Amino acid sequence: MLELLIYIIIWCLCVYGLMSIFQDISRSSTYKKIEKNIKLIMTVKNVEEGIENYVRELSFGRNFFNNLVIIDMDSNDDTLRILRELEEENVNMKILTKKEGEGYLQQLH
């Protein structure tokens, strides 16, 4: 009798574990569908001193580079050059000039 009870408990735990795994799989696939539709768009101007650290911290532990668009608003310093270097490291990040950014934003509407 005790063996049967232990056997039933073990089966219940196995079924519960399998259900948890299937729930986790369905949640992760739903998250990936939602994640593709989310874009983080930033405008920057004359922030050469902090932009590299900011972008690196923003992306740390996440895959924001797939969804990150930075629009340079005609900076007078090296902001655009720094962003282009970051773009070369992270192919999926978009860096746009002010004019390109205006066109990009109009496409989103």
PDB file of N, CA and C in Angstrom:
ATOM      1  N   MET A   1       0.810  -1.190   0.000  1.00  0.00           N
ATOM      2  CA  MET A   1       0.000   0.000   0.000  1.00  0.00           C
ATOM      3  C   MET A   1       0.858   1.260   0.000  1.00  0.00           C
ATOM      4  N   LEU A   2       1.914   1.283   0.820  1.00  0.00           N
ATOM      5  CA  LEU A   2       2.812   2.426   0.884  1.00  0.00           C
ATOM      6  C   LEU A   2       3.544   2.608  -0.440  1.00  0.00           C
ATOM      7  N   GLU A   3       3.937   1.485  -1.060  1.00  0.00           N
ATOM      8  CA  GLU A   3       4.623   1.565  -2.354  1.00  0.00           C
ATOM      9  C   GLU A   3       3.717   2.170  -3.417  1.00  0.00           C
ATOM     10  N   LEU A   4       2.452   1.799  -3.410  1.00  0.00           N
ATOM     11  CA  LEU A   4       1.488   2.339  -4.374  1.00  0.00           C
ATOM     12  C   LEU A   4       1.318   3.842  -4.168  1.00  0.00           C
ATOM     13  N   LEU A   5       1.248   4.275  -2.940  1.00  0.00           N
ATOM     14  CA  LEU A   5       1.112   5.694  -2.636  1.00  0.00           C
ATOM     15  C   LEU A   5       2.342   6.477  -3.115  1.00  0.00           C
ATOM     16  N   ILE A   6       3.517   5.938  -2.869  1.00  0.00           N
ATOM     17  CA  ILE A   6       4.764   6.577  -3.332  1.00  0.00           C
ATOM     18  C   ILE A   6       4.795   6.619  -4.861  1.00  0.00           C
ATOM     19  N   TYR A   7       4.381   5.542  -5.498  1.00  0.00           N
ATOM     20  CA  TYR A   7       4.334   5.459  -6.960  1.00  0.00           C
ATOM     21  C   TYR A   7       3.393   6.521  -7.527  1.00  0.00           C
ATOM     22  N   ILE A   8       2.229   6.714  -6.918  1.00  0.00           N
ATOM     23  CA  ILE A   8       1.258   7.712  -7.384  1.00  0.00           C
ATOM     24  C   ILE A   8       1.815   9.128  -7.197  1.00  0.00           C
ATOM     25  N   ILE A   9       2.459   9.368  -6.069  1.00  0.00           N
ATOM     26  CA  ILE A   9       3.047  10.687  -5.813  1.00  0.00           C
ATOM     27  C   ILE A   9       4.133  11.004  -6.834  1.00  0.00           C
ATOM     28  N   ILE A  10       4.973  10.038  -7.131  1.00  0.00           N
ATOM     29  CA  ILE A  10       6.045  10.243  -8.115  1.00  0.00           C
ATOM     30  C   ILE A  10       5.454  10.547  -9.486  1.00  0.00           C
ATOM     31  N   TRP A  11       4.425   9.823  -9.899  1.00  0.00           N
ATOM     32  CA  TRP A  11       3.786  10.083 -11.192  1.00  0.00           C
ATOM     33  C   TRP A  11       3.152  11.470 -11.227  1.00  0.00           C
ATOM     34  N   CYS A  12       2.532  11.860 -10.148  1.00  0.00           N
ATOM     35  CA  CYS A  12       1.939  13.205 -10.095  1.00  0.00           C
ATOM     36  C   CYS A  12       3.013  14.284 -10.248  1.00  0.00           C
ATOM     37  N   LEU A  13       4.136  14.101  -9.583  1.00  0.00           N
ATOM     38  CA  LEU A  13       5.228  15.065  -9.695  1.00  0.00           C
ATOM     39  C   LEU A  13       5.792  15.099 -11.112  1.00  0.00           C
ATOM     40  N   CYS A  14       5.889  13.930 -11.752  1.00  0.00           N
ATOM     41  CA  CYS A  14       6.385  13.875 -13.137  1.00  0.00           C
ATOM     42  C   CYS A  14       5.445  14.613 -14.077  1.00  0.00           C
ATOM     43  N   VAL A  15       4.152  14.384 -13.932  1.00  0.00           N
ATOM     44  CA  VAL A  15       3.167  15.051 -14.787  1.00  0.00           C
ATOM     45  C   VAL A  15       3.210  16.560 -14.546  1.00  0.00           C
ATOM     46  N   TYR A  16       3.302  16.957 -13.274  1.00  0.00           N
ATOM     47  CA  TYR A  16       3.396  18.381 -12.944  1.00  0.00           C
ATOM     48  C   TYR A  16       4.648  19.006 -13.572  1.00  0.00           C
ATOM     49  N   GLY A  17       5.764  18.299 -13.506  1.00  0.00           N
ATOM     50  CA  GLY A  17       7.008  18.785 -14.103  1.00  0.00           C
ATOM     51  C   GLY A  17       6.893  18.952 -15.605  1.00  0.00           C
ATOM     52  N   LEU A  18       6.279  17.984 -16.277  1.00  0.00           N
ATOM     53  CA  LEU A  18       6.091  18.089 -17.726  1.00  0.00           C
ATOM     54  C   LEU A  18       5.180  19.250 -18.089  1.00  0.00           C
ATOM     55  N   MET A  19       4.131  19.452 -17.312  1.00  0.00           N
ATOM     56  CA  MET A  19       3.238  20.576 -17.578  1.00  0.00           C
ATOM     57  C   MET A  19       3.974  21.905 -17.404  1.00  0.00           C
ATOM     58  N   SER A  20       4.826  21.994 -16.403  1.00  0.00           N
ATOM     59  CA  SER A  20       5.608  23.215 -16.178  1.00  0.00           C
ATOM     60  C   SER A  20       6.546  23.487 -17.344  1.00  0.00           C
ATOM     61  N   ILE A  21       7.164  22.433 -17.855  1.00  0.00           N
ATOM     62  CA  ILE A  21       8.074  22.590 -18.998  1.00  0.00           C
ATOM     63  C   ILE A  21       7.311  23.104 -20.210  1.00  0.00           C
ATOM     64  N   PHE A  22       6.150  22.539 -20.497  1.00  0.00           N
ATOM     65  CA  PHE A  22       5.359  22.981 -21.646  1.00  0.00           C
ATOM     66  C   PHE A  22       4.890  24.426 -21.482  1.00  0.00           C
ATOM     67  N   GLN A  23       4.546  24.820 -20.271  1.00  0.00           N
ATOM     68  CA  GLN A  23       4.157  26.211 -20.034  1.00  0.00           C
ATOM     69  C   GLN A  23       5.328  27.159 -20.283  1.00  0.00           C
ATOM     70  N   ASP A  24       6.513  26.793 -19.822  1.00  0.00           N
ATOM     71  CA  ASP A  24       7.699  27.625 -20.032  1.00  0.00           C
ATOM     72  C   ASP A  24       8.013  27.771 -21.516  1.00  0.00           C
ATOM     73  N   ILE A  25       7.878  26.685 -22.260  1.00  0.00           N
ATOM     74  CA  ILE A  25       8.142  26.728 -23.709  1.00  0.00           C
ATOM     75  C   ILE A  25       7.144  27.640 -24.388  1.00  0.00           C
ATOM     76  N   SER A  26       5.871  27.529 -24.041  1.00  0.00           N
ATOM     77  CA  SER A  26       4.865  28.378 -24.690  1.00  0.00           C
ATOM     78  C   SER A  26       5.059  29.848 -24.324  1.00  0.00           C
ATOM     79  N   ARG A  27       5.457  30.125 -23.087  1.00  0.00           N
ATOM     80  CA  ARG A  27       5.710  31.514 -22.693  1.00  0.00           C
ATOM     81  C   ARG A  27       6.886  32.104 -23.434  1.00  0.00           C
ATOM     82  N   SER A  28       7.960  31.334 -23.593  1.00  0.00           N
ATOM     83  CA  SER A  28       9.143  31.867 -24.270  1.00  0.00           C
ATOM     84  C   SER A  28       8.862  32.139 -25.735  1.00  0.00           C
ATOM     85  N   SER A  29       8.085  31.295 -26.398  1.00  0.00           N
ATOM     86  CA  SER A  29       7.782  31.547 -27.809  1.00  0.00           C
ATOM     87  C   SER A  29       6.867  32.760 -27.945  1.00  0.00           C
ATOM     88  N   THR A  30       5.946  32.953 -27.012  1.00  0.00           N
ATOM     89  CA  THR A  30       5.086  34.137 -27.038  1.00  0.00           C
ATOM     90  C   THR A  30       5.907  35.400 -26.820  1.00  0.00           C
ATOM     91  N   TYR A  31       6.873  35.351 -25.890  1.00  0.00           N
ATOM     92  CA  TYR A  31       7.732  36.498 -25.632  1.00  0.00           C
ATOM     93  C   TYR A  31       8.534  36.864 -26.863  1.00  0.00           C
ATOM     94  N   LYS A  32       9.051  35.867 -27.570  1.00  0.00           N
ATOM     95  CA  LYS A  32       9.846  36.155 -28.766  1.00  0.00           C
ATOM     96  C   LYS A  32       9.004  36.816 -29.840  1.00  0.00           C
ATOM     97  N   LYS A  33       7.731  36.438 -29.962  1.00  0.00           N
ATOM     98  CA  LYS A  33       6.852  37.079 -30.944  1.00  0.00           C
ATOM     99  C   LYS A  33       6.625  38.541 -30.579  1.00  0.00           C
ATOM    100  N   ILE A  34       6.418  38.800 -29.296  1.00  0.00           N
ATOM    101  CA  ILE A  34       6.182  40.177 -28.845  1.00  0.00           C
ATOM    102  C   ILE A  34       7.458  40.994 -28.984  1.00  0.00           C
ATOM    103  N   GLU A  35       8.597  40.400 -28.624  1.00  0.00           N
ATOM    104  CA  GLU A  35       9.876  41.103 -28.637  1.00  0.00           C
ATOM    105  C   GLU A  35      10.222  41.634 -30.024  1.00  0.00           C
ATOM    106  N   LYS A  36       9.845  40.922 -31.084  1.00  0.00           N
ATOM    107  CA  LYS A  36      10.165  41.360 -32.443  1.00  0.00           C
ATOM    108  C   LYS A  36       9.438  42.645 -32.809  1.00  0.00           C
ATOM    109  N   ASN A  37       8.313  42.917 -32.174  1.00  0.00           N
ATOM    110  CA  ASN A  37       7.516  44.096 -32.502  1.00  0.00           C
ATOM    111  C   ASN A  37       7.859  45.317 -31.661  1.00  0.00           C
ATOM    112  N   ILE A  38       8.734  45.159 -30.686  1.00  0.00           N
ATOM    113  CA  ILE A  38       9.098  46.276 -29.813  1.00  0.00           C
ATOM    114  C   ILE A  38      10.398  46.897 -30.305  1.00  0.00           C
ATOM    115  N   LYS A  39      10.417  48.201 -30.468  1.00  0.00           N
ATOM    116  CA  LYS A  39      11.618  48.927 -30.870  1.00  0.00           C
ATOM    117  C   LYS A  39      11.908  49.998 -29.819  1.00  0.00           C
ATOM    118  N   LEU A  40      13.175  50.136 -29.488  1.00  0.00           N
ATOM    119  CA  LEU A  40      13.618  51.206 -28.606  1.00  0.00           C
ATOM    120  C   LEU A  40      14.304  52.236 -29.493  1.00  0.00           C
ATOM    121  N   ILE A  41      13.705  53.416 -29.593  1.00  0.00           N
ATOM    122  CA  ILE A  41      14.225  54.476 -30.452  1.00  0.00           C
ATOM    123  C   ILE A  41      14.712  55.613 -29.562  1.00  0.00           C
ATOM    124  N   MET A  42      15.991  55.977 -29.735  1.00  0.00           N
ATOM    125  CA  MET A  42      16.588  57.059 -28.944  1.00  0.00           C
ATOM    126  C   MET A  42      17.072  58.150 -29.881  1.00  0.00           C
ATOM    127  N   THR A  43      16.909  59.376 -29.467  1.00  0.00           N
ATOM    128  CA  THR A  43      17.529  60.489 -30.180  1.00  0.00           C
ATOM    129  C   THR A  43      18.653  61.023 -29.310  1.00  0.00           C
ATOM    130  N   VAL A  44      19.769  61.345 -29.951  1.00  0.00           N
ATOM    131  CA  VAL A  44      20.937  61.837 -29.209  1.00  0.00           C
ATOM    132  C   VAL A  44      21.524  63.042 -29.926  1.00  0.00           C
ATOM    133  N   LYS A  45      22.196  63.893 -29.148  1.00  0.00           N
ATOM    134  CA  LYS A  45      22.905  65.033 -29.729  1.00  0.00           C
ATOM    135  C   LYS A  45      24.018  65.452 -28.779  1.00  0.00           C
ATOM    136  N   ASN A  46      25.232  65.479 -29.302  1.00  0.00           N
ATOM    137  CA  ASN A  46      26.414  65.938 -28.569  1.00  0.00           C
ATOM    138  C   ASN A  46      26.598  65.219 -27.222  1.00  0.00           C
ATOM    139  N   VAL A  47      26.638  63.908 -27.267  1.00  0.00           N
ATOM    140  CA  VAL A  47      26.820  63.119 -26.043  1.00  0.00           C
ATOM    141  C   VAL A  47      27.985  62.139 -26.192  1.00  0.00           C
ATOM    142  N   GLU A  48      29.060  62.598 -26.826  1.00  0.00           N
ATOM    143  CA  GLU A  48      30.188  61.709 -27.112  1.00  0.00           C
ATOM    144  C   GLU A  48      30.814  61.117 -25.851  1.00  0.00           C
ATOM    145  N   GLU A  49      30.788  61.838 -24.747  1.00  0.00           N
ATOM    146  CA  GLU A  49      31.456  61.365 -23.535  1.00  0.00           C
ATOM    147  C   GLU A  49      30.759  60.167 -22.903  1.00  0.00           C
ATOM    148  N   GLY A  50      29.456  60.060 -23.019  1.00  0.00           N
ATOM    149  CA  GLY A  50      28.772  58.995 -22.305  1.00  0.00           C
ATOM    150  C   GLY A  50      28.019  57.992 -23.159  1.00  0.00           C
ATOM    151  N   ILE A  51      27.938  58.233 -24.463  1.00  0.00           N
ATOM    152  CA  ILE A  51      27.056  57.405 -25.289  1.00  0.00           C
ATOM    153  C   ILE A  51      27.516  55.956 -25.384  1.00  0.00           C
ATOM    154  N   GLU A  52      28.798  55.718 -25.493  1.00  0.00           N
ATOM    155  CA  GLU A  52      29.279  54.342 -25.618  1.00  0.00           C
ATOM    156  C   GLU A  52      28.948  53.535 -24.364  1.00  0.00           C
ATOM    157  N   ASN A  53      29.239  54.079 -23.202  1.00  0.00           N
ATOM    158  CA  ASN A  53      28.916  53.381 -21.952  1.00  0.00           C
ATOM    159  C   ASN A  53      27.419  53.171 -21.799  1.00  0.00           C
ATOM    160  N   TYR A  54      26.647  54.165 -22.170  1.00  0.00           N
ATOM    161  CA  TYR A  54      25.196  54.060 -22.036  1.00  0.00           C
ATOM    162  C   TYR A  54      24.648  52.928 -22.900  1.00  0.00           C
ATOM    163  N   VAL A  55      25.082  52.885 -24.156  1.00  0.00           N
ATOM    164  CA  VAL A  55      24.588  51.842 -25.061  1.00  0.00           C
ATOM    165  C   VAL A  55      25.032  50.464 -24.586  1.00  0.00           C
ATOM    166  N   ARG A  56      26.272  50.356 -24.137  1.00  0.00           N
ATOM    167  CA  ARG A  56      26.761  49.061 -23.640  1.00  0.00           C
ATOM    168  C   ARG A  56      25.997  48.620 -22.385  1.00  0.00           C
ATOM    169  N   GLU A  57      25.729  49.539 -21.473  1.00  0.00           N
ATOM    170  CA  GLU A  57      24.972  49.196 -20.270  1.00  0.00           C
ATOM    171  C   GLU A  57      23.530  48.833 -20.612  1.00  0.00           C
ATOM    172  N   LEU A  58      22.975  49.541 -21.558  1.00  0.00           N
ATOM    173  CA  LEU A  58      21.605  49.280 -21.981  1.00  0.00           C
ATOM    174  C   LEU A  58      21.464  47.872 -22.539  1.00  0.00           C
ATOM    175  N   SER A  59      22.471  47.411 -23.227  1.00  0.00           N
ATOM    176  CA  SER A  59      22.391  46.103 -23.883  1.00  0.00           C
ATOM    177  C   SER A  59      22.937  44.974 -23.024  1.00  0.00           C
ATOM    178  N   PHE A  60      23.531  45.276 -21.879  1.00  0.00           N
ATOM    179  CA  PHE A  60      24.154  44.240 -21.052  1.00  0.00           C
ATOM    180  C   PHE A  60      23.119  43.232 -20.582  1.00  0.00           C
ATOM    181  N   GLY A  61      23.355  41.962 -20.913  1.00  0.00           N
ATOM    182  CA  GLY A  61      22.474  40.890 -20.483  1.00  0.00           C
ATOM    183  C   GLY A  61      21.173  40.809 -21.258  1.00  0.00           C
ATOM    184  N   ARG A  62      21.013  41.644 -22.252  1.00  0.00           N
ATOM    185  CA  ARG A  62      19.790  41.633 -23.057  1.00  0.00           C
ATOM    186  C   ARG A  62      20.184  41.649 -24.520  1.00  0.00           C
ATOM    187  N   ASN A  63      19.232  41.407 -25.356  1.00  0.00           N
ATOM    188  CA  ASN A  63      19.508  41.432 -26.787  1.00  0.00           C
ATOM    189  C   ASN A  63      18.829  42.651 -27.413  1.00  0.00           C
ATOM    190  N   PHE A  64      19.029  43.824 -26.802  1.00  0.00           N
ATOM    191  CA  PHE A  64      18.391  45.032 -27.308  1.00  0.00           C
ATOM    192  C   PHE A  64      18.925  45.473 -28.664  1.00  0.00           C
ATOM    193  N   PHE A  65      20.110  45.002 -29.022  1.00  0.00           N
ATOM    194  CA  PHE A  65      20.675  45.472 -30.285  1.00  0.00           C
ATOM    195  C   PHE A  65      19.795  45.106 -31.470  1.00  0.00           C
ATOM    196  N   ASN A  66      18.978  44.070 -31.349  1.00  0.00           N
ATOM    197  CA  ASN A  66      18.063  43.736 -32.435  1.00  0.00           C
ATOM    198  C   ASN A  66      16.979  44.786 -32.590  1.00  0.00           C
ATOM    199  N   ASN A  67      16.662  45.481 -31.517  1.00  0.00           N
ATOM    200  CA  ASN A  67      15.540  46.401 -31.514  1.00  0.00           C
ATOM    201  C   ASN A  67      15.930  47.837 -31.184  1.00  0.00           C
ATOM    202  N   LEU A  68      17.207  48.154 -31.227  1.00  0.00           N
ATOM    203  CA  LEU A  68      17.675  49.478 -30.838  1.00  0.00           C
ATOM    204  C   LEU A  68      17.939  50.338 -32.072  1.00  0.00           C
ATOM    205  N   VAL A  69      17.292  51.494 -32.116  1.00  0.00           N
ATOM    206  CA  VAL A  69      17.490  52.463 -33.196  1.00  0.00           C
ATOM    207  C   VAL A  69      17.901  53.775 -32.534  1.00  0.00           C
ATOM    208  N   ILE A  70      19.069  54.298 -32.935  1.00  0.00           N
ATOM    209  CA  ILE A  70      19.547  55.564 -32.381  1.00  0.00           C
ATOM    210  C   ILE A  70      19.619  56.581 -33.513  1.00  0.00           C
ATOM    211  N   ILE A  71      18.970  57.708 -33.296  1.00  0.00           N
ATOM    212  CA  ILE A  71      18.947  58.778 -34.298  1.00  0.00           C
ATOM    213  C   ILE A  71      19.812  59.924 -33.788  1.00  0.00           C
ATOM    214  N   ASP A  72      20.864  60.232 -34.528  1.00  0.00           N
ATOM    215  CA  ASP A  72      21.740  61.351 -34.173  1.00  0.00           C
ATOM    216  C   ASP A  72      21.137  62.630 -34.741  1.00  0.00           C
ATOM    217  N   MET A  73      20.909  63.603 -33.883  1.00  0.00           N
ATOM    218  CA  MET A  73      20.255  64.854 -34.272  1.00  0.00           C
ATOM    219  C   MET A  73      21.294  65.929 -34.620  1.00  0.00           C
ATOM    220  N   ASP A  74      22.140  65.632 -35.592  1.00  0.00           N
ATOM    221  CA  ASP A  74      23.169  66.564 -36.084  1.00  0.00           C
ATOM    222  C   ASP A  74      24.143  66.994 -34.995  1.00  0.00           C
ATOM    223  N   SER A  75      24.765  66.024 -34.353  1.00  0.00           N
ATOM    224  CA  SER A  75      25.749  66.319 -33.305  1.00  0.00           C
ATOM    225  C   SER A  75      26.951  67.056 -33.880  1.00  0.00           C
ATOM    226  N   ASN A  76      27.520  67.965 -33.075  1.00  0.00           N
ATOM    227  CA  ASN A  76      28.707  68.717 -33.475  1.00  0.00           C
ATOM    228  C   ASN A  76      29.985  68.049 -32.988  1.00  0.00           C
ATOM    229  N   ASP A  77      29.872  66.998 -32.202  1.00  0.00           N
ATOM    230  CA  ASP A  77      31.051  66.317 -31.664  1.00  0.00           C
ATOM    231  C   ASP A  77      31.194  64.939 -32.337  1.00  0.00           C
ATOM    232  N   ASP A  78      31.866  64.014 -31.697  1.00  0.00           N
ATOM    233  CA  ASP A  78      32.124  62.696 -32.278  1.00  0.00           C
ATOM    234  C   ASP A  78      31.053  61.658 -31.943  1.00  0.00           C
ATOM    235  N   THR A  79      29.876  62.071 -31.563  1.00  0.00           N
ATOM    236  CA  THR A  79      28.816  61.132 -31.204  1.00  0.00           C
ATOM    237  C   THR A  79      28.511  60.169 -32.347  1.00  0.00           C
ATOM    238  N   LEU A  80      28.332  60.693 -33.541  1.00  0.00           N
ATOM    239  CA  LEU A  80      27.976  59.852 -34.686  1.00  0.00           C
ATOM    240  C   LEU A  80      29.087  58.849 -35.001  1.00  0.00           C
ATOM    241  N   ARG A  81      30.346  59.287 -34.921  1.00  0.00           N
ATOM    242  CA  ARG A  81      31.473  58.378 -35.178  1.00  0.00           C
ATOM    243  C   ARG A  81      31.492  57.241 -34.162  1.00  0.00           C
ATOM    244  N   ILE A  82      31.283  57.560 -32.899  1.00  0.00           N
ATOM    245  CA  ILE A  82      31.265  56.540 -31.843  1.00  0.00           C
ATOM    246  C   ILE A  82      30.119  55.562 -32.078  1.00  0.00           C
ATOM    247  N   LEU A  83      28.972  56.098 -32.448  1.00  0.00           N
ATOM    248  CA  LEU A  83      27.820  55.231 -32.711  1.00  0.00           C
ATOM    249  C   LEU A  83      28.070  54.313 -33.907  1.00  0.00           C
ATOM    250  N   ARG A  84      28.716  54.844 -34.937  1.00  0.00           N
ATOM    251  CA  ARG A  84      29.028  54.010 -36.118  1.00  0.00           C
ATOM    252  C   ARG A  84      29.980  52.872 -35.735  1.00  0.00           C
ATOM    253  N   GLU A  85      30.943  53.159 -34.848  1.00  0.00           N
ATOM    254  CA  GLU A  85      31.851  52.107 -34.386  1.00  0.00           C
ATOM    255  C   GLU A  85      31.094  51.035 -33.611  1.00  0.00           C
ATOM    256  N   LEU A  86      30.161  51.453 -32.774  1.00  0.00           N
ATOM    257  CA  LEU A  86      29.331  50.495 -32.046  1.00  0.00           C
ATOM    258  C   LEU A  86      28.465  49.688 -33.005  1.00  0.00           C
ATOM    259  N   GLU A  87      27.989  50.345 -34.040  1.00  0.00           N
ATOM    260  CA  GLU A  87      27.155  49.665 -35.035  1.00  0.00           C
ATOM    261  C   GLU A  87      27.951  48.577 -35.754  1.00  0.00           C
ATOM    262  N   GLU A  88      29.231  48.838 -36.018  1.00  0.00           N
ATOM    263  CA  GLU A  88      30.077  47.833 -36.659  1.00  0.00           C
ATOM    264  C   GLU A  88      30.260  46.615 -35.757  1.00  0.00           C
ATOM    265  N   GLU A  89      30.370  46.829 -34.448  1.00  0.00           N
ATOM    266  CA  GLU A  89      30.495  45.713 -33.505  1.00  0.00           C
ATOM    267  C   GLU A  89      29.198  44.919 -33.407  1.00  0.00           C
ATOM    268  N   ASN A  90      28.082  45.613 -33.458  1.00  0.00           N
ATOM    269  CA  ASN A  90      26.763  45.016 -33.268  1.00  0.00           C
ATOM    270  C   ASN A  90      25.920  45.256 -34.508  1.00  0.00           C
ATOM    271  N   VAL A  91      25.971  44.323 -35.410  1.00  0.00           N
ATOM    272  CA  VAL A  91      25.388  44.500 -36.737  1.00  0.00           C
ATOM    273  C   VAL A  91      23.893  44.811 -36.691  1.00  0.00           C
ATOM    274  N   ASN A  92      23.170  44.352 -35.691  1.00  0.00           N
ATOM    275  CA  ASN A  92      21.720  44.509 -35.661  1.00  0.00           C
ATOM    276  C   ASN A  92      21.239  45.852 -35.112  1.00  0.00           C
ATOM    277  N   MET A  93      22.143  46.686 -34.643  1.00  0.00           N
ATOM    278  CA  MET A  93      21.768  47.991 -34.107  1.00  0.00           C
ATOM    279  C   MET A  93      21.731  48.990 -35.265  1.00  0.00           C
ATOM    280  N   LYS A  94      20.684  49.832 -35.318  1.00  0.00           N
ATOM    281  CA  LYS A  94      20.571  50.830 -36.380  1.00  0.00           C
ATOM    282  C   LYS A  94      20.979  52.196 -35.877  1.00  0.00           C
ATOM    283  N   ILE A  95      21.869  52.846 -36.623  1.00  0.00           N
ATOM    284  CA  ILE A  95      22.265  54.216 -36.338  1.00  0.00           C
ATOM    285  C   ILE A  95      21.839  55.057 -37.533  1.00  0.00           C
ATOM    286  N   LEU A  96      21.071  56.094 -37.279  1.00  0.00           N
ATOM    287  CA  LEU A  96      20.559  56.925 -38.367  1.00  0.00           C
ATOM    288  C   LEU A  96      20.902  58.391 -38.123  1.00  0.00           C
ATOM    289  N   THR A  97      21.093  59.114 -39.217  1.00  0.00           N
ATOM    290  CA  THR A  97      21.242  60.569 -39.116  1.00  0.00           C
ATOM    291  C   THR A  97      19.849  61.181 -38.922  1.00  0.00           C
ATOM    292  N   LYS A  98      19.808  62.472 -38.695  1.00  0.00           N
ATOM    293  CA  LYS A  98      18.526  63.140 -38.474  1.00  0.00           C
ATOM    294  C   LYS A  98      17.592  62.955 -39.666  1.00  0.00           C
ATOM    295  N   LYS A  99      18.125  63.139 -40.859  1.00  0.00           N
ATOM    296  CA  LYS A  99      17.305  63.018 -42.064  1.00  0.00           C
ATOM    297  C   LYS A  99      16.823  61.581 -42.249  1.00  0.00           C
ATOM    298  N   GLU A 100      17.715  60.610 -42.070  1.00  0.00           N
ATOM    299  CA  GLU A 100      17.331  59.201 -42.182  1.00  0.00           C
ATOM    300  C   GLU A 100      16.303  58.843 -41.112  1.00  0.00           C
ATOM    301  N   GLY A 101      16.484  59.400 -39.923  1.00  0.00           N
ATOM    302  CA  GLY A 101      15.574  59.135 -38.821  1.00  0.00           C
ATOM    303  C   GLY A 101      14.165  59.634 -39.092  1.00  0.00           C
ATOM    304  N   GLU A 102      14.067  60.795 -39.719  1.00  0.00           N
ATOM    305  CA  GLU A 102      12.741  61.336 -40.059  1.00  0.00           C
ATOM    306  C   GLU A 102      12.022  60.383 -41.014  1.00  0.00           C
ATOM    307  N   GLY A 103      12.748  59.882 -42.021  1.00  0.00           N
ATOM    308  CA  GLY A 103      12.155  58.926 -42.949  1.00  0.00           C
ATOM    309  C   GLY A 103      11.767  57.628 -42.269  1.00  0.00           C
ATOM    310  N   TYR A 104      12.616  57.166 -41.378  1.00  0.00           N
ATOM    311  CA  TYR A 104      12.352  55.920 -40.658  1.00  0.00           C
ATOM    312  C   TYR A 104      11.101  56.046 -39.793  1.00  0.00           C
ATOM    313  N   LEU A 105      10.962  57.166 -39.093  1.00  0.00           N
ATOM    314  CA  LEU A 105       9.817  57.362 -38.229  1.00  0.00           C
ATOM    315  C   LEU A 105       8.518  57.486 -39.027  1.00  0.00           C
ATOM    316  N   GLN A 106       8.609  58.084 -40.221  1.00  0.00           N
ATOM    317  CA  GLN A 106       7.431  58.184 -41.067  1.00  0.00           C
ATOM    318  C   GLN A 106       6.996  56.803 -41.566  1.00  0.00           C
ATOM    319  N   GLN A 107       7.959  55.916 -41.811  1.00  0.00           N
ATOM    320  CA  GLN A 107       7.624  54.546 -42.234  1.00  0.00           C
ATOM    321  C   GLN A 107       6.884  53.785 -41.161  1.00  0.00           C
ATOM    322  N   LEU A 108       7.157  54.086 -39.896  1.00  0.00           N
ATOM    323  CA  LEU A 108       6.520  53.372 -38.795  1.00  0.00           C
ATOM    324  C   LEU A 108       5.040  53.708 -38.668  1.00  0.00           C
ATOM    325  N   HIS A 109       4.644  54.864 -39.172  1.00  0.00           N
ATOM    326  CA  HIS A 109       3.228  55.263 -39.062  1.00  0.00           C
ATOM    327  C   HIS A 109       2.437  54.543 -40.059  1.00  0.00           C
TER     328      HIS A 109
END
